[in-house]
């Protein structure tokens, strides 16, 4: 599940994931993402979310709700401006990618989180 309100970034992320062998669903708002996650808990294996989103829910809140739905859900945050808040607002066992990032970095982060029994990076 990719949560991003910028269509250009949606396209880049979707293309990178497809080339990396992953299927993705796109949600433009946090509310849409939470609804999709609640409706089909088993469908989504990871959450990739921008921090600053349109609507009431930001990426921090989307990740918290995703973890309530599925406590083991891997989370990757994407941000251009909120990296300094990761340790205080991010969920444990998550990865943060600062924009701009290379598409390969995203694929590597998703692969790491899905294939590792324990996650390499976490807010303290």
PDB file of N, CA and C in Angstrom:
ATOM      1  N   UNK A   1       0.847  -1.171   0.000  1.00  0.00           N
ATOM      2  CA  UNK A   1       0.000   0.000   0.000  1.00  0.00           C
ATOM      3  C   UNK A   1       0.894   1.235   0.000  1.00  0.00           C
ATOM      4  N   UNK A   2       0.681   2.090  -0.979  1.00  0.00           N
ATOM      5  CA  UNK A   2       1.409   3.350  -1.082  1.00  0.00           C
ATOM      6  C   UNK A   2       0.427   4.482  -0.800  1.00  0.00           C
ATOM      7  N   UNK A   3       0.780   5.358   0.143  1.00  0.00           N
ATOM      8  CA  UNK A   3      -0.059   6.504   0.476  1.00  0.00           C
ATOM      9  C   UNK A   3       0.727   7.756   0.113  1.00  0.00           C
ATOM     10  N   UNK A   4       0.269   8.415  -0.953  1.00  0.00           N
ATOM     11  CA  UNK A   4       0.967   9.593  -1.477  1.00  0.00           C
ATOM     12  C   UNK A   4      -0.035  10.432  -2.244  1.00  0.00           C
ATOM     13  N   UNK A   5      -0.055  11.741  -1.988  1.00  0.00           N
ATOM     14  CA  UNK A   5      -1.014  12.606  -2.670  1.00  0.00           C
ATOM     15  C   UNK A   5      -0.445  13.275  -3.923  1.00  0.00           C
ATOM     16  N   UNK A   6       0.835  13.190  -4.142  1.00  0.00           N
ATOM     17  CA  UNK A   6       1.469  13.776  -5.323  1.00  0.00           C
ATOM     18  C   UNK A   6       1.511  12.732  -6.442  1.00  0.00           C
ATOM     19  N   UNK A   7       0.838  13.008  -7.555  1.00  0.00           N
ATOM     20  CA  UNK A   7       0.729  12.026  -8.631  1.00  0.00           C
ATOM     21  C   UNK A   7       2.070  11.667  -9.257  1.00  0.00           C
ATOM     22  N   UNK A   8       2.988  12.617  -9.352  1.00  0.00           N
ATOM     23  CA  UNK A   8       4.302  12.311  -9.911  1.00  0.00           C
ATOM     24  C   UNK A   8       5.054  11.319  -9.027  1.00  0.00           C
ATOM     25  N   UNK A   9       4.995  11.536  -7.731  1.00  0.00           N
ATOM     26  CA  UNK A   9       5.671  10.621  -6.809  1.00  0.00           C
ATOM     27  C   UNK A   9       4.947   9.277  -6.785  1.00  0.00           C
ATOM     28  N   UNK A  10       3.612   9.290  -6.838  1.00  0.00           N
ATOM     29  CA  UNK A  10       2.856   8.036  -6.941  1.00  0.00           C
ATOM     30  C   UNK A  10       3.374   7.201  -8.108  1.00  0.00           C
ATOM     31  N   UNK A  11       3.522   7.845  -9.261  1.00  0.00           N
ATOM     32  CA  UNK A  11       3.977   7.146 -10.458  1.00  0.00           C
ATOM     33  C   UNK A  11       5.372   6.589 -10.307  1.00  0.00           C
ATOM     34  N   UNK A  12       6.289   7.391  -9.753  1.00  0.00           N
ATOM     35  CA  UNK A  12       7.665   6.936  -9.554  1.00  0.00           C
ATOM     36  C   UNK A  12       7.729   5.754  -8.599  1.00  0.00           C
ATOM     37  N   UNK A  13       6.989   5.856  -7.494  1.00  0.00           N
ATOM     38  CA  UNK A  13       6.985   4.786  -6.492  1.00  0.00           C
ATOM     39  C   UNK A  13       6.367   3.516  -7.075  1.00  0.00           C
ATOM     40  N   UNK A  14       5.242   3.659  -7.753  1.00  0.00           N
ATOM     41  CA  UNK A  14       4.572   2.506  -8.349  1.00  0.00           C
ATOM     42  C   UNK A  14       5.474   1.821  -9.379  1.00  0.00           C
ATOM     43  N   UNK A  15       6.132   2.615 -10.212  1.00  0.00           N
ATOM     44  CA  UNK A  15       7.032   2.066 -11.223  1.00  0.00           C
ATOM     45  C   UNK A  15       8.214   1.339 -10.575  1.00  0.00           C
ATOM     46  N   UNK A  16       8.794   1.944  -9.546  1.00  0.00           N
ATOM     47  CA  UNK A  16       9.926   1.319  -8.861  1.00  0.00           C
ATOM     48  C   UNK A  16       9.514  -0.010  -8.241  1.00  0.00           C
ATOM     49  N   UNK A  17       8.359  -0.033  -7.601  1.00  0.00           N
ATOM     50  CA  UNK A  17       7.893  -1.263  -6.968  1.00  0.00           C
ATOM     51  C   UNK A  17       7.595  -2.344  -8.009  1.00  0.00           C
ATOM     52  N   UNK A  18       6.966  -1.952  -9.110  1.00  0.00           N
ATOM     53  CA  UNK A  18       6.665  -2.907 -10.175  1.00  0.00           C
ATOM     54  C   UNK A  18       7.948  -3.495 -10.743  1.00  0.00           C
ATOM     55  N   UNK A  19       8.923  -2.641 -11.009  1.00  0.00           N
ATOM     56  CA  UNK A  19      10.207  -3.118 -11.526  1.00  0.00           C
ATOM     57  C   UNK A  19      10.930  -3.994 -10.510  1.00  0.00           C
ATOM     58  N   UNK A  20      10.674  -3.755  -9.227  1.00  0.00           N
ATOM     59  CA  UNK A  20      11.276  -4.563  -8.172  1.00  0.00           C
ATOM     60  C   UNK A  20      10.527  -5.859  -7.895  1.00  0.00           C
ATOM     61  N   UNK A  21       9.430  -6.089  -8.623  1.00  0.00           N
ATOM     62  CA  UNK A  21       8.681  -7.330  -8.473  1.00  0.00           C
ATOM     63  C   UNK A  21       7.526  -7.262  -7.488  1.00  0.00           C
ATOM     64  N   UNK A  22       7.126  -6.066  -7.096  1.00  0.00           N
ATOM     65  CA  UNK A  22       6.039  -5.896  -6.140  1.00  0.00           C
ATOM     66  C   UNK A  22       4.804  -5.327  -6.831  1.00  0.00           C
ATOM     67  N   UNK A  23       3.631  -5.670  -6.330  1.00  0.00           N
ATOM     68  CA  UNK A  23       2.389  -5.048  -6.755  1.00  0.00           C
ATOM     69  C   UNK A  23       2.039  -3.988  -5.721  1.00  0.00           C
ATOM     70  N   UNK A  24       1.470  -2.881  -6.182  1.00  0.00           N
ATOM     71  CA  UNK A  24       1.114  -1.845  -5.211  1.00  0.00           C
ATOM     72  C   UNK A  24      -0.283  -1.316  -5.471  1.00  0.00           C
ATOM     73  N   UNK A  25      -0.906  -0.875  -4.409  1.00  0.00           N
ATOM     74  CA  UNK A  25      -2.162  -0.148  -4.452  1.00  0.00           C
ATOM     75  C   UNK A  25      -1.843   1.262  -3.997  1.00  0.00           C
ATOM     76  N   UNK A  26      -2.488   2.248  -4.618  1.00  0.00           N
ATOM     77  CA  UNK A  26      -2.228   3.649  -4.288  1.00  0.00           C
ATOM     78  C   UNK A  26      -3.431   4.252  -3.581  1.00  0.00           C
ATOM     79  N   UNK A  27      -3.178   4.943  -2.489  1.00  0.00           N
ATOM     80  CA  UNK A  27      -4.201   5.739  -1.801  1.00  0.00           C
ATOM     81  C   UNK A  27      -3.682   7.175  -1.776  1.00  0.00           C
ATOM     82  N   UNK A  28      -4.551   8.128  -2.079  1.00  0.00           N
ATOM     83  CA  UNK A  28      -4.134   9.526  -2.118  1.00  0.00           C
ATOM     84  C   UNK A  28      -4.266  10.229  -0.775  1.00  0.00           C
ATOM     85  N   UNK A  29      -5.053   9.649   0.154  1.00  0.00           N
ATOM     86  CA  UNK A  29      -5.224  10.255   1.477  1.00  0.00           C
ATOM     87  C   UNK A  29      -5.044   9.195   2.557  1.00  0.00           C
ATOM     88  N   UNK A  30      -4.776   9.658   3.747  1.00  0.00           N
ATOM     89  CA  UNK A  30      -4.655   8.741   4.873  1.00  0.00           C
ATOM     90  C   UNK A  30      -5.955   8.037   5.171  1.00  0.00           C
ATOM     91  N   UNK A  31      -7.063   8.753   5.041  1.00  0.00           N
ATOM     92  CA  UNK A  31      -8.371   8.155   5.309  1.00  0.00           C
ATOM     93  C   UNK A  31      -8.649   7.010   4.344  1.00  0.00           C
ATOM     94  N   UNK A  32      -8.348   7.214   3.071  1.00  0.00           N
ATOM     95  CA  UNK A  32      -8.539   6.172   2.064  1.00  0.00           C
ATOM     96  C   UNK A  32      -7.671   4.955   2.390  1.00  0.00           C
ATOM     97  N   UNK A  33      -6.437   5.188   2.782  1.00  0.00           N
ATOM     98  CA  UNK A  33      -5.527   4.092   3.104  1.00  0.00           C
ATOM     99  C   UNK A  33      -6.047   3.263   4.280  1.00  0.00           C
ATOM    100  N   UNK A  34      -6.477   3.926   5.332  1.00  0.00           N
ATOM    101  CA  UNK A  34      -6.974   3.215   6.517  1.00  0.00           C
ATOM    102  C   UNK A  34      -8.213   2.395   6.156  1.00  0.00           C
ATOM    103  N   UNK A  35      -9.099   2.958   5.360  1.00  0.00           N
ATOM    104  CA  UNK A  35     -10.295   2.228   4.929  1.00  0.00           C
ATOM    105  C   UNK A  35      -9.907   0.975   4.153  1.00  0.00           C
ATOM    106  N   UNK A  36      -8.986   1.108   3.212  1.00  0.00           N
ATOM    107  CA  UNK A  36      -8.542  -0.049   2.434  1.00  0.00           C
ATOM    108  C   UNK A  36      -7.895  -1.103   3.325  1.00  0.00           C
ATOM    109  N   UNK A  37      -7.074  -0.669   4.252  1.00  0.00           N
ATOM    110  CA  UNK A  37      -6.414  -1.612   5.170  1.00  0.00           C
ATOM    111  C   UNK A  37      -7.431  -2.345   6.045  1.00  0.00           C
ATOM    112  N   UNK A  38      -8.442  -1.628   6.517  1.00  0.00           N
ATOM    113  CA  UNK A  38      -9.465  -2.246   7.359  1.00  0.00           C
ATOM    114  C   UNK A  38     -10.321  -3.221   6.571  1.00  0.00           C
ATOM    115  N   UNK A  39     -10.602  -2.891   5.309  1.00  0.00           N
ATOM    116  CA  UNK A  39     -11.479  -3.723   4.491  1.00  0.00           C
ATOM    117  C   UNK A  39     -10.829  -5.032   4.067  1.00  0.00           C
ATOM    118  N   UNK A  40      -9.515  -5.050   3.923  1.00  0.00           N
ATOM    119  CA  UNK A  40      -8.836  -6.264   3.460  1.00  0.00           C
ATOM    120  C   UNK A  40      -7.481  -6.384   4.153  1.00  0.00           C
ATOM    121  N   UNK A  41      -7.496  -6.824   5.383  1.00  0.00           N
ATOM    122  CA  UNK A  41      -6.291  -6.904   6.211  1.00  0.00           C
ATOM    123  C   UNK A  41      -5.201  -7.781   5.611  1.00  0.00           C
ATOM    124  N   UNK A  42      -5.593  -8.834   4.918  1.00  0.00           N
ATOM    125  CA  UNK A  42      -4.635  -9.803   4.402  1.00  0.00           C
ATOM    126  C   UNK A  42      -3.999  -9.381   3.079  1.00  0.00           C
ATOM    127  N   UNK A  43      -4.588  -8.432   2.388  1.00  0.00           N
ATOM    128  CA  UNK A  43      -4.127  -8.059   1.047  1.00  0.00           C
ATOM    129  C   UNK A  43      -2.801  -7.308   1.062  1.00  0.00           C
ATOM    130  N   UNK A  44      -2.586  -6.484   2.063  1.00  0.00           N
ATOM    131  CA  UNK A  44      -1.446  -5.576   2.072  1.00  0.00           C
ATOM    132  C   UNK A  44      -0.335  -6.097   2.961  1.00  0.00           C
ATOM    133  N   UNK A  45       0.873  -6.169   2.391  1.00  0.00           N
ATOM    134  CA  UNK A  45       2.014  -6.728   3.120  1.00  0.00           C
ATOM    135  C   UNK A  45       2.929  -5.665   3.704  1.00  0.00           C
ATOM    136  N   UNK A  46       2.791  -4.412   3.233  1.00  0.00           N
ATOM    137  CA  UNK A  46       3.645  -3.326   3.721  1.00  0.00           C
ATOM    138  C   UNK A  46       2.949  -1.992   3.464  1.00  0.00           C
ATOM    139  N   UNK A  47       3.349  -0.986   4.234  1.00  0.00           N
ATOM    140  CA  UNK A  47       2.820   0.364   4.081  1.00  0.00           C
ATOM    141  C   UNK A  47       3.976   1.295   3.743  1.00  0.00           C
ATOM    142  N   UNK A  48       3.803   2.046   2.656  1.00  0.00           N
ATOM    143  CA  UNK A  48       4.748   3.086   2.266  1.00  0.00           C
ATOM    144  C   UNK A  48       3.942   4.370   2.267  1.00  0.00           C
ATOM    145  N   UNK A  49       4.290   5.293   3.142  1.00  0.00           N
ATOM    146  CA  UNK A  49       3.473   6.494   3.278  1.00  0.00           C
ATOM    147  C   UNK A  49       4.302   7.764   3.319  1.00  0.00           C
ATOM    148  N   UNK A  50       3.786   8.775   2.626  1.00  0.00           N
ATOM    149  CA  UNK A  50       4.322  10.125   2.763  1.00  0.00           C
ATOM    150  C   UNK A  50       3.886  10.623   4.144  1.00  0.00           C
ATOM    151  N   UNK A  51       4.595  11.571   4.699  1.00  0.00           N
ATOM    152  CA  UNK A  51       4.220  12.118   6.007  1.00  0.00           C
ATOM    153  C   UNK A  51       3.126  13.179   5.853  1.00  0.00           C
ATOM    154  N   UNK A  52       3.345  14.122   4.970  1.00  0.00           N
ATOM    155  CA  UNK A  52       2.393  15.220   4.782  1.00  0.00           C
ATOM    156  C   UNK A  52       1.398  14.843   3.692  1.00  0.00           C
ATOM    157  N   UNK A  53       0.158  14.602   4.097  1.00  0.00           N
ATOM    158  CA  UNK A  53      -0.888  14.148   3.187  1.00  0.00           C
ATOM    159  C   UNK A  53      -2.071  15.111   3.214  1.00  0.00           C
ATOM    160  N   UNK A  54      -2.850  15.085   2.144  1.00  0.00           N
ATOM    161  CA  UNK A  54      -4.107  15.815   2.146  1.00  0.00           C
ATOM    162  C   UNK A  54      -5.072  15.097   3.090  1.00  0.00           C
ATOM    163  N   UNK A  55      -6.000  15.825   3.672  1.00  0.00           N
ATOM    164  CA  UNK A  55      -6.969  15.216   4.573  1.00  0.00           C
ATOM    165  C   UNK A  55      -6.576  15.357   6.033  1.00  0.00           C
ATOM    166  N   UNK A  56      -7.300  14.659   6.887  1.00  0.00           N
ATOM    167  CA  UNK A  56      -7.095  14.777   8.336  1.00  0.00           C
ATOM    168  C   UNK A  56      -5.915  13.964   8.844  1.00  0.00           C
ATOM    169  N   UNK A  57      -5.661  12.806   8.245  1.00  0.00           N
ATOM    170  CA  UNK A  57      -4.616  11.918   8.754  1.00  0.00           C
ATOM    171  C   UNK A  57      -3.289  12.159   8.045  1.00  0.00           C
ATOM    172  N   UNK A  58      -2.229  12.336   8.829  1.00  0.00           N
ATOM    173  CA  UNK A  58      -0.903  12.413   8.224  1.00  0.00           C
ATOM    174  C   UNK A  58      -0.287  11.013   8.214  1.00  0.00           C
ATOM    175  N   UNK A  59       0.892  10.889   7.648  1.00  0.00           N
ATOM    176  CA  UNK A  59       1.546   9.590   7.543  1.00  0.00           C
ATOM    177  C   UNK A  59       1.858   8.951   8.880  1.00  0.00           C
ATOM    178  N   UNK A  60       2.144   9.763   9.893  1.00  0.00           N
ATOM    179  CA  UNK A  60       2.412   9.219  11.230  1.00  0.00           C
ATOM    180  C   UNK A  60       1.177   8.475  11.729  1.00  0.00           C
ATOM    181  N   UNK A  61       0.016   9.113  11.574  1.00  0.00           N
ATOM    182  CA  UNK A  61      -1.237   8.526  12.061  1.00  0.00           C
ATOM    183  C   UNK A  61      -1.636   7.310  11.221  1.00  0.00           C
ATOM    184  N   UNK A  62      -1.429   7.375   9.912  1.00  0.00           N
ATOM    185  CA  UNK A  62      -1.745   6.228   9.052  1.00  0.00           C
ATOM    186  C   UNK A  62      -0.942   5.005   9.501  1.00  0.00           C
ATOM    187  N   UNK A  63       0.339   5.200   9.775  1.00  0.00           N
ATOM    188  CA  UNK A  63       1.188   4.083  10.206  1.00  0.00           C
ATOM    189  C   UNK A  63       0.716   3.517  11.546  1.00  0.00           C
ATOM    190  N   UNK A  64       0.336   4.396  12.472  1.00  0.00           N
ATOM    191  CA  UNK A  64      -0.168   3.915  13.770  1.00  0.00           C
ATOM    192  C   UNK A  64      -1.438   3.097  13.586  1.00  0.00           C
ATOM    193  N   UNK A  65      -2.331   3.570  12.733  1.00  0.00           N
ATOM    194  CA  UNK A  65      -3.581   2.835  12.479  1.00  0.00           C
ATOM    195  C   UNK A  65      -3.294   1.514  11.776  1.00  0.00           C
ATOM    196  N   UNK A  66      -2.343   1.532  10.833  1.00  0.00           N
ATOM    197  CA  UNK A  66      -1.972   0.291  10.133  1.00  0.00           C
ATOM    198  C   UNK A  66      -1.446  -0.736  11.121  1.00  0.00           C
ATOM    199  N   UNK A  67      -0.666  -0.292  12.095  1.00  0.00           N
ATOM    200  CA  UNK A  67      -0.125  -1.210  13.103  1.00  0.00           C
ATOM    201  C   UNK A  67      -1.213  -1.713  14.048  1.00  0.00           C
ATOM    202  N   UNK A  68      -2.260  -0.933  14.265  1.00  0.00           N
ATOM    203  CA  UNK A  68      -3.393  -1.416  15.061  1.00  0.00           C
ATOM    204  C   UNK A  68      -4.122  -2.526  14.309  1.00  0.00           C
ATOM    205  N   UNK A  69      -4.212  -2.390  12.997  1.00  0.00           N
ATOM    206  CA  UNK A  69      -4.877  -3.382  12.163  1.00  0.00           C
ATOM    207  C   UNK A  69      -4.001  -4.626  12.010  1.00  0.00           C
ATOM    208  N   UNK A  70      -2.709  -4.407  11.782  1.00  0.00           N
ATOM    209  CA  UNK A  70      -1.756  -5.498  11.599  1.00  0.00           C
ATOM    210  C   UNK A  70      -0.470  -5.115  12.320  1.00  0.00           C
ATOM    211  N   UNK A  71      -0.251  -5.625  13.542  1.00  0.00           N
ATOM    212  CA  UNK A  71       0.908  -5.220  14.335  1.00  0.00           C
ATOM    213  C   UNK A  71       2.265  -5.491  13.679  1.00  0.00           C
ATOM    214  N   UNK A  72       2.332  -6.416  12.748  1.00  0.00           N
ATOM    215  CA  UNK A  72       3.593  -6.722  12.097  1.00  0.00           C
ATOM    216  C   UNK A  72       3.805  -6.008  10.774  1.00  0.00           C
ATOM    217  N   UNK A  73       2.923  -5.084  10.428  1.00  0.00           N
ATOM    218  CA  UNK A  73       2.984  -4.399   9.134  1.00  0.00           C
ATOM    219  C   UNK A  73       4.291  -3.607   8.992  1.00  0.00           C
ATOM    220  N   UNK A  74       5.114  -3.935   7.990  1.00  0.00           N
ATOM    221  CA  UNK A  74       6.305  -3.124   7.732  1.00  0.00           C
ATOM    222  C   UNK A  74       5.893  -1.720   7.292  1.00  0.00           C
ATOM    223  N   UNK A  75       6.607  -0.713   7.772  1.00  0.00           N
ATOM    224  CA  UNK A  75       6.274   0.683   7.461  1.00  0.00           C
ATOM    225  C   UNK A  75       7.513   1.393   6.930  1.00  0.00           C
ATOM    226  N   UNK A  76       7.318   2.078   5.799  1.00  0.00           N
ATOM    227  CA  UNK A  76       8.349   2.942   5.241  1.00  0.00           C
ATOM    228  C   UNK A  76       7.738   4.331   5.104  1.00  0.00           C
ATOM    229  N   UNK A  77       8.388   5.295   5.717  1.00  0.00           N
ATOM    230  CA  UNK A  77       7.959   6.688   5.606  1.00  0.00           C
ATOM    231  C   UNK A  77       8.758   7.365   4.504  1.00  0.00           C
ATOM    232  N   UNK A  78       8.095   8.248   3.750  1.00  0.00           N
ATOM    233  CA  UNK A  78       8.769   9.091   2.754  1.00  0.00           C
ATOM    234  C   UNK A  78       8.513  10.540   3.158  1.00  0.00           C
ATOM    235  N   UNK A  79       9.569  11.349   3.177  1.00  0.00           N
ATOM    236  CA  UNK A  79       9.362  12.747   3.548  1.00  0.00           C
ATOM    237  C   UNK A  79      10.455  13.638   2.986  1.00  0.00           C
ATOM    238  N   UNK A  80      10.078  14.859   2.753  1.00  0.00           N
ATOM    239  CA  UNK A  80      11.049  15.860   2.355  1.00  0.00           C
ATOM    240  C   UNK A  80      11.303  16.864   3.459  1.00  0.00           C
ATOM    241  N   UNK A  81      10.468  16.810   4.516  1.00  0.00           N
ATOM    242  CA  UNK A  81      10.571  17.858   5.525  1.00  0.00           C
ATOM    243  C   UNK A  81      10.389  17.400   6.968  1.00  0.00           C
ATOM    244  N   UNK A  82       9.961  16.174   7.212  1.00  0.00           N
ATOM    245  CA  UNK A  82       9.611  15.787   8.586  1.00  0.00           C
ATOM    246  C   UNK A  82      10.529  14.728   9.186  1.00  0.00           C
ATOM    247  N   UNK A  83      11.694  14.539   8.617  1.00  0.00           N
ATOM    248  CA  UNK A  83      12.597  13.482   9.100  1.00  0.00           C
ATOM    249  C   UNK A  83      12.974  13.665  10.565  1.00  0.00           C
ATOM    250  N   UNK A  84      13.072  14.897  11.016  1.00  0.00           N
ATOM    251  CA  UNK A  84      13.471  15.157  12.396  1.00  0.00           C
ATOM    252  C   UNK A  84      12.429  14.689  13.417  1.00  0.00           C
ATOM    253  N   UNK A  85      11.214  14.406  12.968  1.00  0.00           N
ATOM    254  CA  UNK A  85      10.150  13.947  13.870  1.00  0.00           C
ATOM    255  C   UNK A  85      10.054  12.420  13.953  1.00  0.00           C
ATOM    256  N   UNK A  86      10.833  11.716  13.140  1.00  0.00           N
ATOM    257  CA  UNK A  86      10.718  10.265  13.041  1.00  0.00           C
ATOM    258  C   UNK A  86      10.890   9.563  14.387  1.00  0.00           C
ATOM    259  N   UNK A  87      11.915   9.937  15.147  1.00  0.00           N
ATOM    260  CA  UNK A  87      12.162   9.241  16.405  1.00  0.00           C
ATOM    261  C   UNK A  87      11.043   9.444  17.421  1.00  0.00           C
ATOM    262  N   UNK A  88      10.367  10.578  17.365  1.00  0.00           N
ATOM    263  CA  UNK A  88       9.301  10.828  18.333  1.00  0.00           C
ATOM    264  C   UNK A  88       7.913  10.420  17.835  1.00  0.00           C
ATOM    265  N   UNK A  89       7.698  10.415  16.520  1.00  0.00           N
ATOM    266  CA  UNK A  89       6.351  10.152  16.002  1.00  0.00           C
ATOM    267  C   UNK A  89       6.229   8.867  15.192  1.00  0.00           C
ATOM    268  N   UNK A  90       7.353   8.328  14.734  1.00  0.00           N
ATOM    269  CA  UNK A  90       7.322   7.124  13.912  1.00  0.00           C
ATOM    270  C   UNK A  90       7.045   5.872  14.720  1.00  0.00           C
ATOM    271  N   UNK A  91       6.488   4.855  14.049  1.00  0.00           N
ATOM    272  CA  UNK A  91       6.257   3.580  14.729  1.00  0.00           C
ATOM    273  C   UNK A  91       7.585   2.829  14.819  1.00  0.00           C
ATOM    274  N   UNK A  92       7.739   1.970  15.824  1.00  0.00           N
ATOM    275  CA  UNK A  92       8.963   1.163  15.928  1.00  0.00           C
ATOM    276  C   UNK A  92       9.128   0.278  14.692  1.00  0.00           C
ATOM    277  N   UNK A  93      10.362  -0.105  14.438  1.00  0.00           N
ATOM    278  CA  UNK A  93      10.687  -1.006  13.334  1.00  0.00           C
ATOM    279  C   UNK A  93      10.185  -0.487  12.003  1.00  0.00           C
ATOM    280  N   UNK A  94      10.555   0.736  11.709  1.00  0.00           N
ATOM    281  CA  UNK A  94      10.185   1.371  10.451  1.00  0.00           C
ATOM    282  C   UNK A  94      11.452   1.948   9.814  1.00  0.00           C
ATOM    283  N   UNK A  95      11.320   2.317   8.560  1.00  0.00           N
ATOM    284  CA  UNK A  95      12.421   2.946   7.821  1.00  0.00           C
ATOM    285  C   UNK A  95      11.921   4.285   7.301  1.00  0.00           C
ATOM    286  N   UNK A  96      12.797   5.283   7.303  1.00  0.00           N
ATOM    287  CA  UNK A  96      12.453   6.586   6.754  1.00  0.00           C
ATOM    288  C   UNK A  96      13.360   6.879   5.572  1.00  0.00           C
ATOM    289  N   UNK A  97      12.750   7.247   4.440  1.00  0.00           N
ATOM    290  CA  UNK A  97      13.492   7.663   3.255  1.00  0.00           C
ATOM    291  C   UNK A  97      13.278   9.156   3.056  1.00  0.00           C
ATOM    292  N   UNK A  98      14.374   9.897   2.985  1.00  0.00           N
ATOM    293  CA  UNK A  98      14.293  11.332   2.721  1.00  0.00           C
ATOM    294  C   UNK A  98      14.158  11.574   1.228  1.00  0.00           C
ATOM    295  N   UNK A  99      13.182  12.404   0.854  1.00  0.00           N
ATOM    296  CA  UNK A  99      13.032  12.794  -0.546  1.00  0.00           C
ATOM    297  C   UNK A  99      14.080  13.850  -0.861  1.00  0.00           C
ATOM    298  N   UNK A 100      14.651  13.831  -2.026  1.00  0.00           N
ATOM    299  CA  UNK A 100      14.462  12.830  -3.073  1.00  0.00           C
ATOM    300  C   UNK A 100      15.299  11.588  -2.773  1.00  0.00           C
ATOM    301  N   UNK A 101      14.780  10.451  -3.132  1.00  0.00           N
ATOM    302  CA  UNK A 101      15.517   9.197  -2.982  1.00  0.00           C
ATOM    303  C   UNK A 101      15.489   8.455  -4.312  1.00  0.00           C
ATOM    304  N   UNK A 102      16.449   7.576  -4.494  1.00  0.00           N
ATOM    305  CA  UNK A 102      16.509   6.785  -5.727  1.00  0.00           C
ATOM    306  C   UNK A 102      15.466   5.674  -5.642  1.00  0.00           C
ATOM    307  N   UNK A 103      14.810   5.358  -6.746  1.00  0.00           N
ATOM    308  CA  UNK A 103      13.826   4.266  -6.736  1.00  0.00           C
ATOM    309  C   UNK A 103      14.393   2.966  -6.163  1.00  0.00           C
ATOM    310  N   UNK A 104      15.661   2.694  -6.434  1.00  0.00           N
ATOM    311  CA  UNK A 104      16.277   1.464  -5.915  1.00  0.00           C
ATOM    312  C   UNK A 104      16.315   1.463  -4.385  1.00  0.00           C
ATOM    313  N   UNK A 105      16.437   2.633  -3.763  1.00  0.00           N
ATOM    314  CA  UNK A 105      16.429   2.703  -2.295  1.00  0.00           C
ATOM    315  C   UNK A 105      15.093   2.227  -1.742  1.00  0.00           C
ATOM    316  N   UNK A 106      14.014   2.584  -2.407  1.00  0.00           N
ATOM    317  CA  UNK A 106      12.683   2.175  -1.967  1.00  0.00           C
ATOM    318  C   UNK A 106      12.529   0.661  -2.081  1.00  0.00           C
ATOM    319  N   UNK A 107      12.917   0.117  -3.215  1.00  0.00           N
ATOM    320  CA  UNK A 107      12.812  -1.332  -3.424  1.00  0.00           C
ATOM    321  C   UNK A 107      13.665  -2.074  -2.398  1.00  0.00           C
ATOM    322  N   UNK A 108      14.849  -1.574  -2.123  1.00  0.00           N
ATOM    323  CA  UNK A 108      15.720  -2.190  -1.121  1.00  0.00           C
ATOM    324  C   UNK A 108      15.075  -2.146   0.258  1.00  0.00           C
ATOM    325  N   UNK A 109      14.487  -1.009   0.617  1.00  0.00           N
ATOM    326  CA  UNK A 109      13.845  -0.879   1.931  1.00  0.00           C
ATOM    327  C   UNK A 109      12.673  -1.846   2.066  1.00  0.00           C
ATOM    328  N   UNK A 110      11.824  -1.938   1.036  1.00  0.00           N
ATOM    329  CA  UNK A 110      10.687  -2.863   1.082  1.00  0.00           C
ATOM    330  C   UNK A 110      11.184  -4.299   1.199  1.00  0.00           C
ATOM    331  N   UNK A 111      12.168  -4.656   0.390  1.00  0.00           N
ATOM    332  CA  UNK A 111      12.712  -6.019   0.436  1.00  0.00           C
ATOM    333  C   UNK A 111      13.283  -6.333   1.810  1.00  0.00           C
ATOM    334  N   UNK A 112      14.011  -5.385   2.373  1.00  0.00           N
ATOM    335  CA  UNK A 112      14.607  -5.562   3.698  1.00  0.00           C
ATOM    336  C   UNK A 112      13.535  -5.849   4.744  1.00  0.00           C
ATOM    337  N   UNK A 113      12.487  -5.052   4.742  1.00  0.00           N
ATOM    338  CA  UNK A 113      11.448  -5.195   5.750  1.00  0.00           C
ATOM    339  C   UNK A 113      10.638  -6.477   5.564  1.00  0.00           C
ATOM    340  N   UNK A 114      10.385  -6.849   4.319  1.00  0.00           N
ATOM    341  CA  UNK A 114       9.588  -8.053   4.076  1.00  0.00           C
ATOM    342  C   UNK A 114      10.387  -9.332   4.306  1.00  0.00           C
ATOM    343  N   UNK A 115      11.684  -9.291   4.029  1.00  0.00           N
ATOM    344  CA  UNK A 115      12.482 -10.505   4.115  1.00  0.00           C
ATOM    345  C   UNK A 115      13.201 -10.700   5.440  1.00  0.00           C
ATOM    346  N   UNK A 116      13.333  -9.636   6.210  1.00  0.00           N
ATOM    347  CA  UNK A 116      14.048  -9.739   7.490  1.00  0.00           C
ATOM    348  C   UNK A 116      13.062 -10.128   8.594  1.00  0.00           C
ATOM    349  N   UNK A 117      13.470 -11.029   9.436  1.00  0.00           N
ATOM    350  CA  UNK A 117      12.628 -11.387  10.575  1.00  0.00           C
ATOM    351  C   UNK A 117      12.528 -10.225  11.545  1.00  0.00           C
ATOM    352  N   UNK A 118      13.620  -9.510  11.698  1.00  0.00           N
ATOM    353  CA  UNK A 118      13.618  -8.308  12.532  1.00  0.00           C
ATOM    354  C   UNK A 118      13.997  -7.148  11.637  1.00  0.00           C
ATOM    355  N   UNK A 119      13.500  -6.002  11.947  1.00  0.00           N
ATOM    356  CA  UNK A 119      13.689  -4.847  11.094  1.00  0.00           C
ATOM    357  C   UNK A 119      14.915  -4.071  11.521  1.00  0.00           C
ATOM    358  N   UNK A 120      15.683  -3.556  10.554  1.00  0.00           N
ATOM    359  CA  UNK A 120      16.967  -2.963  10.848  1.00  0.00           C
ATOM    360  C   UNK A 120      16.937  -1.568  11.455  1.00  0.00           C
ATOM    361  N   UNK A 121      15.890  -0.803  11.266  1.00  0.00           N
ATOM    362  CA  UNK A 121      15.897   0.593  11.663  1.00  0.00           C
ATOM    363  C   UNK A 121      14.630   0.895  12.464  1.00  0.00           C
ATOM    364  N   UNK A 122      14.783   1.600  13.565  1.00  0.00           N
ATOM    365  CA  UNK A 122      13.600   1.923  14.363  1.00  0.00           C
ATOM    366  C   UNK A 122      13.823   3.209  15.136  1.00  0.00           C
ATOM    367  N   UNK A 123      12.770   4.000  15.306  1.00  0.00           N
ATOM    368  CA  UNK A 123      12.895   5.148  16.193  1.00  0.00           C
ATOM    369  C   UNK A 123      13.169   4.675  17.624  1.00  0.00           C
ATOM    370  N   UNK A 124      13.903   5.480  18.349  1.00  0.00           N
ATOM    371  CA  UNK A 124      14.215   5.112  19.741  1.00  0.00           C
ATOM    372  C   UNK A 124      13.359   5.865  20.719  1.00  0.00           C
TER     373      UNK A 124
END
